Amino acid sequence: MRIMSSPIKASHGAAYSRILGVGGARGNRVVDNAEMCTIIDSSDEWIQQRTGISERRWVDDEQTALTLATEAARKAIERSGVATDQIDAVLVSSVSNERRFPSLSVQVASELGLDNPAATDLQAACAGFCYGVSLADSMVRTGSAHYVLVVGVEVLSKQTDFSDRSTAFLFGDGAGAVVIGPSEVPGIGPAVWGSEINTGEIIHSDEFEVAVAGGFSPKIHMEGNKVFRWATTYIVEKTVETLEAAGLTPEELDVFIPHQANNRITDAMLRRLKLPDDVVVSRDIKMMGNASAASVPIAMEALLESGEAKPGDNALIIGFGAGLVYAGQVVVLP
């Protein structure tokens, strides 16, 4: 094939990117297992043994996906040291937008008073935040944006099927956000991501139009056993690949922040990764539940605020869920 010259000008950005600031927001309502068991037929002992969850956070009447996302974003921007008018792109991952359009990303940008940034929503469920991190990294390095706000936000309590005792206790509401910008050294490793294209029905929601016509929000449906087997086999291998793609050994990792889906899945990952005992492992699911796209950034903020993780630490993050989709990378904590 003959290579021809082209008049198109290519864009070029920073050599590397990194996370500059992180922020989170949680639903105000604390729902412990005792209260949960007044809604479904279960027990505190059963829920904790199966998942590690002792309570979850749900929104109150004043909170929405937009208010949570905006709160988390404001914290991330303030901590990043980047002025709001420097944010030139917004990526929001969510399955909780109550409207088909406008996008949550546009609504968040408006609430923050940003200066007409590029804005789009991502639909990758529990892997969505990690998808956003990889896309933001590429945008900064190619020069299509200088500073990118990445948000994961969910209000899953509104989409929970409380007649399904196998999943109703799992979900929480919250938002997490990061600002990603240029760096002189690598701060975000290569993404290991992909999909299982013939498994969409394992985790799915009701059709939007059917739900609205019936007067209810689309509900989440999940075949938990199949998801568990997929996560503890295939996703465990992808977690190992993520560390290898970054060129790190287990001894060089400081923090592990997996999607907060189930402590037993996290345990399976740890057995395969063979991480040293001093690696900090997030167990934020205990007090939060599964917050899908918000899971990883909320857990990241919690570890930094508690002092368990420190700025400059190398952290392996990975998300996986509906699609079925997955994505992960190693990042330097801000």
Protein backbone atom coordinates (compact mmCIF):
# COMPACT_ATOMS: atom_id res chain seq x y z
CA MET A 1 0.00 0.00 0.00
CA ARG A 2 1.44 3.36 -1.04
CA ILE A 3 1.77 5.91 1.78
CA MET A 4 0.56 9.30 0.66
CA SER A 5 1.17 12.66 2.23
CA SER A 6 -1.72 14.42 3.95
CA PRO A 7 -2.49 18.08 4.62
CA ILE A 8 -4.21 17.16 7.91
CA LYS A 9 -2.51 18.60 10.95
CA ALA A 10 -2.19 16.19 13.89
CA SER A 11 -2.61 17.39 17.48
CA HIS A 12 0.03 16.81 20.12
CA GLY A 13 -0.27 17.24 23.87
CA ALA A 14 1.66 16.45 27.01
CA ALA A 15 4.08 13.55 27.14
CA TYR A 16 2.21 12.02 30.07
CA SER A 17 -0.85 12.58 32.25
CA ARG A 18 -1.77 12.01 35.87
CA ILE A 19 -4.61 12.38 38.35
CA LEU A 20 -4.37 15.81 39.98
CA GLY A 21 -7.24 15.64 42.46
CA VAL A 22 -10.01 13.32 43.63
CA GLY A 23 -13.38 13.96 45.27
CA GLY A 24 -16.35 11.92 46.39
CA ALA A 25 -19.95 12.21 47.56
CA ARG A 26 -22.15 9.59 49.20
CA GLY A 27 -25.85 9.25 49.66
CA ASN A 28 -26.92 10.82 52.96
CA ARG A 29 -29.09 7.93 54.07
CA VAL A 30 -27.32 5.07 55.89
CA VAL A 31 -29.15 1.76 55.45
CA ASP A 32 -27.68 -1.02 57.58
CA ASN A 33 -28.36 -4.72 57.12
CA ALA A 34 -30.94 -4.74 59.92
CA GLU A 35 -33.05 -2.21 58.01
CA MET A 36 -32.37 -4.00 54.73
CA CYS A 37 -33.77 -7.19 56.22
CA THR A 38 -37.09 -5.46 56.90
CA ILE A 39 -37.34 -5.06 53.10
CA ILE A 40 -36.08 -8.47 51.97
CA ASP A 41 -36.01 -11.92 53.55
CA SER A 42 -32.37 -12.19 54.61
CA SER A 43 -30.04 -11.73 57.59
CA ASP A 44 -27.08 -9.56 58.52
CA GLU A 45 -24.88 -12.66 58.84
CA TRP A 46 -25.85 -13.99 55.39
CA ILE A 47 -25.26 -10.65 53.64
CA GLN A 48 -21.89 -10.08 55.29
CA GLN A 49 -20.66 -13.60 54.62
CA ARG A 50 -21.66 -13.45 50.94
CA THR A 51 -20.51 -9.90 50.15
CA GLY A 52 -18.84 -8.10 53.05
CA ILE A 53 -21.56 -5.42 53.12
CA SER A 54 -22.74 -4.23 56.53
CA GLU A 55 -24.46 -1.04 55.35
CA ARG A 56 -25.01 0.94 52.20
CA ARG A 57 -25.55 4.62 51.37
CA TRP A 58 -28.72 5.76 49.62
CA VAL A 59 -29.75 9.24 48.50
CA ASP A 60 -32.24 11.24 50.51
CA ASP A 61 -35.05 13.32 49.01
CA GLU A 62 -32.70 16.23 48.25
CA GLN A 63 -30.05 14.25 46.39
CA THR A 64 -29.91 13.18 42.74
CA ALA A 65 -27.27 11.85 40.38
CA LEU A 66 -26.63 15.45 39.34
CA THR A 67 -26.18 16.80 42.87
CA LEU A 68 -23.86 13.91 43.81
CA ALA A 69 -21.77 14.30 40.65
CA THR A 70 -21.49 18.06 41.10
CA GLU A 71 -20.44 17.73 44.75
CA ALA A 72 -17.75 15.18 43.95
CA ALA A 73 -16.52 17.21 40.97
CA ARG A 74 -16.20 20.41 42.99
CA LYS A 75 -14.04 18.63 45.55
CA ALA A 76 -11.83 17.09 42.87
CA ILE A 77 -11.33 20.43 41.10
CA GLU A 78 -10.53 22.25 44.34
CA ARG A 79 -8.01 19.61 45.38
CA SER A 80 -6.40 19.55 41.92
CA GLY A 81 -5.41 23.22 42.03
CA VAL A 82 -6.83 23.64 38.52
CA ALA A 83 -9.09 26.63 37.91
CA THR A 84 -12.59 25.77 36.75
CA ASP A 85 -12.11 27.72 33.52
CA GLN A 86 -9.19 25.43 32.66
CA ILE A 87 -11.35 22.30 32.57
CA ASP A 88 -11.93 21.78 28.86
CA ALA A 89 -13.53 18.32 28.83
CA VAL A 90 -16.01 16.45 31.03
CA LEU A 91 -16.61 12.69 30.94
CA VAL A 92 -19.38 11.27 33.12
CA SER A 93 -19.97 7.55 33.48
CA SER A 94 -23.40 6.56 34.77
CA VAL A 95 -26.42 4.35 34.23
CA SER A 96 -28.46 6.67 36.47
CA ASN A 97 -29.32 9.66 34.34
CA GLU A 98 -33.06 10.17 34.83
CA ARG A 99 -33.33 11.73 31.38
CA ARG A 100 -32.35 10.46 27.97
CA PHE A 101 -30.81 13.85 27.29
CA PRO A 102 -29.27 16.30 27.94
CA SER A 103 -26.29 14.28 29.13
CA LEU A 104 -25.25 14.33 32.76
CA SER A 105 -21.85 15.64 31.63
CA VAL A 106 -23.45 18.76 30.15
CA GLN A 107 -25.58 19.24 33.25
CA VAL A 108 -22.54 18.88 35.56
CA ALA A 109 -20.56 21.35 33.45
CA SER A 110 -23.42 23.84 33.71
CA GLU A 111 -23.70 23.43 37.50
CA LEU A 112 -19.96 24.01 37.87
CA GLY A 113 -19.94 27.03 35.57
CA LEU A 114 -17.30 25.55 33.27
CA ASP A 115 -16.27 27.40 30.13
CA ASN A 116 -18.09 25.44 27.40
CA PRO A 117 -16.05 22.20 27.67
CA ALA A 118 -16.36 19.14 25.50
CA ALA A 119 -18.83 16.94 27.35
CA THR A 120 -20.12 13.42 26.88
CA ASP A 121 -21.50 10.52 28.91
CA LEU A 122 -20.03 7.02 29.00
CA GLN A 123 -22.12 3.88 29.31
CA ALA A 124 -19.82 1.20 30.73
CA ALA A 125 -21.53 0.57 34.09
CA CYS A 126 -19.10 -0.57 36.79
CA ALA A 127 -16.11 -0.24 34.44
CA GLY A 128 -17.10 3.27 33.37
CA PHE A 129 -14.77 5.25 35.61
CA CYS A 130 -11.72 3.30 34.45
CA TYR A 131 -12.86 3.76 30.84
CA GLY A 132 -13.02 7.49 31.53
CA VAL A 133 -9.52 7.56 33.04
CA SER A 134 -8.07 5.91 29.95
CA LEU A 135 -9.92 8.22 27.57
CA ALA A 136 -8.87 11.29 29.56
CA ASP A 137 -5.25 10.11 29.52
CA SER A 138 -5.39 9.84 25.73
CA MET A 139 -7.05 13.24 25.38
CA VAL A 140 -4.36 14.97 27.41
CA ARG A 141 -1.52 13.23 25.59
CA THR A 142 -2.93 13.88 22.11
CA GLY A 143 -3.71 17.51 22.90
CA SER A 144 -7.47 17.32 22.41
CA ALA A 145 -7.86 18.53 26.01
CA HIS A 146 -5.60 19.94 28.69
CA TYR A 147 -7.57 19.17 31.85
CA VAL A 148 -10.32 16.55 31.92
CA LEU A 149 -12.92 16.03 34.63
CA VAL A 150 -13.88 12.35 34.94
CA VAL A 151 -16.93 11.48 37.06
CA GLY A 152 -18.55 8.18 38.01
CA VAL A 153 -22.00 8.56 39.56
CA GLU A 154 -24.88 6.24 40.37
CA VAL A 155 -28.21 6.30 42.17
CA LEU A 156 -28.88 2.58 42.12
CA SER A 157 -31.36 2.57 45.00
CA LYS A 158 -33.89 3.95 42.52
CA GLN A 159 -33.24 1.02 40.16
CA THR A 160 -33.18 -1.79 42.70
CA ASP A 161 -35.69 -4.62 42.34
CA PHE A 162 -36.65 -5.20 45.98
CA SER A 163 -38.52 -8.35 45.04
CA ASP A 164 -35.19 -9.96 44.16
CA ARG A 165 -33.60 -10.93 47.47
CA SER A 166 -30.42 -12.09 45.71
CA THR A 167 -29.47 -8.58 44.54
CA ALA A 168 -31.56 -6.02 46.47
CA PHE A 169 -29.02 -5.63 49.29
CA LEU A 170 -26.07 -4.93 46.99
CA PHE A 171 -26.42 -1.42 45.70
CA GLY A 172 -25.44 2.04 46.95
CA ASP A 173 -25.62 5.65 45.75
CA GLY A 174 -22.67 7.98 45.30
CA ALA A 175 -20.26 9.81 43.03
CA GLY A 176 -16.52 10.02 42.62
CA ALA A 177 -14.52 12.39 40.43
CA VAL A 178 -10.96 13.09 39.37
CA VAL A 179 -9.22 15.82 37.40
CA ILE A 180 -6.64 14.53 34.94
CA GLY A 181 -3.99 16.78 33.44
CA PRO A 182 -0.46 16.90 32.04
CA SER A 183 2.52 15.37 33.83
CA GLU A 184 6.29 15.28 33.32
CA VAL A 185 6.40 11.60 34.34
CA PRO A 186 4.00 8.71 33.67
CA GLY A 187 1.04 8.85 36.04
CA ILE A 188 -1.49 6.60 34.27
CA GLY A 189 -0.57 3.18 32.93
CA PRO A 190 -1.90 1.42 29.84
CA ALA A 191 -5.52 0.34 29.96
CA VAL A 192 -6.41 -3.33 29.93
CA TRP A 193 -10.00 -3.30 28.78
CA GLY A 194 -12.53 -5.17 26.74
CA SER A 195 -15.92 -6.84 26.68
CA GLU A 196 -17.72 -10.16 26.58
CA ILE A 197 -20.12 -9.32 23.80
CA ASN A 198 -22.49 -12.28 24.10
CA THR A 199 -23.24 -11.92 27.81
CA GLY A 200 -25.32 -8.76 27.91
CA GLU A 201 -28.33 -10.32 29.58
CA ILE A 202 -26.37 -11.51 32.63
CA ILE A 203 -26.63 -7.96 34.01
CA HIS A 204 -29.30 -5.81 32.41
CA SER A 205 -32.05 -3.33 33.14
CA ASP A 206 -35.66 -3.11 32.05
CA GLU A 207 -36.27 -1.32 28.78
CA PHE A 208 -36.54 2.39 29.47
CA GLU A 209 -39.69 2.99 27.46
CA VAL A 210 -41.48 -0.01 28.98
CA ALA A 211 -40.57 1.08 32.51
CA VAL A 212 -41.70 4.66 31.99
CA ALA A 213 -44.95 3.54 30.40
CA GLY A 214 -45.53 1.31 33.42
CA GLY A 215 -44.87 4.13 35.85
CA PHE A 216 -41.63 2.84 37.36
CA SER A 217 -37.86 3.30 36.98
CA PRO A 218 -35.95 0.66 34.99
CA LYS A 219 -34.88 -2.09 37.42
CA ILE A 220 -31.58 -3.94 37.52
CA HIS A 221 -31.58 -7.69 36.90
CA MET A 222 -28.51 -9.83 37.48
CA GLU A 223 -27.57 -13.50 37.42
CA GLY A 224 -25.28 -13.25 40.41
CA ASN A 225 -23.71 -16.72 40.22
CA LYS A 226 -22.64 -16.23 36.61
CA VAL A 227 -21.19 -12.79 37.36
CA PHE A 228 -19.30 -14.19 40.35
CA ARG A 229 -17.74 -16.99 38.26
CA TRP A 230 -16.75 -14.53 35.51
CA ALA A 231 -15.20 -12.11 37.99
CA THR A 232 -13.27 -14.76 39.94
CA THR A 233 -11.79 -16.34 36.80
CA TYR A 234 -11.57 -14.10 33.74
CA ILE A 235 -11.40 -10.74 35.56
CA VAL A 236 -8.79 -12.08 37.97
CA GLU A 237 -6.57 -12.83 34.97
CA LYS A 238 -7.20 -9.35 33.55
CA THR A 239 -6.18 -7.85 36.89
CA VAL A 240 -2.82 -9.63 36.62
CA GLU A 241 -2.48 -8.34 33.04
CA THR A 242 -3.15 -4.79 34.23
CA LEU A 243 -0.22 -4.88 36.64
CA GLU A 244 2.03 -6.43 33.98
CA ALA A 245 0.99 -3.82 31.38
CA ALA A 246 2.20 -1.07 33.71
CA GLY A 247 5.57 -2.81 34.00
CA LEU A 248 5.28 -3.26 37.75
CA THR A 249 5.90 -6.22 39.99
CA PRO A 250 3.60 -6.97 42.93
CA GLU A 251 6.32 -5.60 45.23
CA GLU A 252 6.16 -2.22 43.47
CA LEU A 253 2.43 -1.79 44.03
CA ASP A 254 1.27 0.25 47.03
CA VAL A 255 -2.52 0.18 46.76
CA PHE A 256 -5.17 -2.07 45.20
CA ILE A 257 -8.61 -0.56 44.49
CA PRO A 258 -10.85 -3.07 42.76
CA HIS A 259 -14.48 -2.37 41.92
CA GLN A 260 -16.37 -2.77 45.17
CA ALA A 261 -18.69 -5.54 44.06
CA ASN A 262 -18.02 -8.33 46.53
CA ASN A 263 -15.27 -9.00 49.09
CA ARG A 264 -15.05 -12.62 47.95
CA ILE A 265 -14.16 -11.42 44.44
CA THR A 266 -11.50 -9.15 45.91
CA ASP A 267 -10.11 -12.09 47.88
CA ALA A 268 -9.86 -14.17 44.69
CA MET A 269 -7.95 -11.37 42.99
CA LEU A 270 -5.53 -11.09 45.90
CA ARG A 271 -4.79 -14.83 45.83
CA ARG A 272 -3.91 -14.64 42.12
CA LEU A 273 -1.94 -11.38 42.32
CA LYS A 274 0.14 -12.60 45.29
CA LEU A 275 0.51 -9.06 46.60
CA PRO A 276 2.75 -8.37 49.60
CA ASP A 277 0.97 -8.00 52.94
CA ASP A 278 1.80 -4.28 53.11
CA VAL A 279 -0.24 -3.43 49.98
CA VAL A 280 -3.31 -1.44 51.01
CA VAL A 281 -6.51 -3.07 49.76
CA SER A 282 -9.81 -1.17 49.56
CA ARG A 283 -12.79 -2.74 51.35
CA ASP A 284 -15.06 0.27 50.97
CA ILE A 285 -17.95 -2.01 50.04
CA LYS A 286 -18.51 -2.71 53.75
CA MET A 287 -19.95 0.77 54.38
CA MET A 288 -21.00 1.76 50.86
CA GLY A 289 -22.38 -1.18 48.93
CA ASN A 290 -21.83 -1.53 45.20
CA ALA A 291 -21.93 1.94 43.62
CA SER A 292 -21.11 0.78 40.08
CA ALA A 293 -19.27 3.54 38.16
CA ALA A 294 -18.74 5.53 41.37
CA SER A 295 -17.20 2.60 43.22
CA VAL A 296 -13.49 3.04 42.42
CA PRO A 297 -13.14 6.84 42.80
CA ILE A 298 -15.16 6.87 46.04
CA ALA A 299 -12.90 4.16 47.44
CA MET A 300 -9.84 6.07 46.25
CA GLU A 301 -10.92 9.20 48.10
CA ALA A 302 -11.67 7.21 51.26
CA LEU A 303 -8.20 5.66 51.36
CA LEU A 304 -6.51 9.04 50.86
CA GLU A 305 -8.65 10.77 53.48
CA SER A 306 -8.00 8.03 56.05
CA GLY A 307 -4.26 8.14 55.43
CA GLU A 308 -4.16 4.45 54.50
CA ALA A 309 -2.98 5.53 51.03
CA LYS A 310 -0.64 8.43 50.30
CA PRO A 311 -0.12 10.84 47.41
CA GLY A 312 2.43 9.34 45.05
CA ASP A 313 1.43 5.74 45.77
CA ASN A 314 1.07 3.37 42.82
CA ALA A 315 -2.51 2.06 42.76
CA LEU A 316 -4.02 -0.68 40.60
CA ILE A 317 -7.66 0.11 39.80
CA ILE A 318 -10.09 -2.09 37.90
CA GLY A 319 -13.82 -2.03 37.21
CA PHE A 320 -16.06 -4.72 35.75
CA GLY A 321 -19.77 -5.22 35.25
CA ALA A 322 -22.75 -4.93 32.93
CA GLY A 323 -21.99 -5.49 29.30
CA LEU A 324 -20.12 -7.52 30.30
CA VAL A 325 -17.26 -5.00 30.23
CA TYR A 326 -14.06 -4.41 32.15
CA ALA A 327 -11.24 -1.87 32.34
CA GLY A 328 -8.25 -1.27 34.58
CA GLN A 329 -4.95 0.56 34.85
CA VAL A 330 -2.27 1.48 37.35
CA VAL A 331 -2.35 5.14 38.43
CA VAL A 332 -0.29 7.35 40.70
CA LEU A 333 -2.49 8.71 43.47
CA PRO A 334 -2.78 12.50 43.74
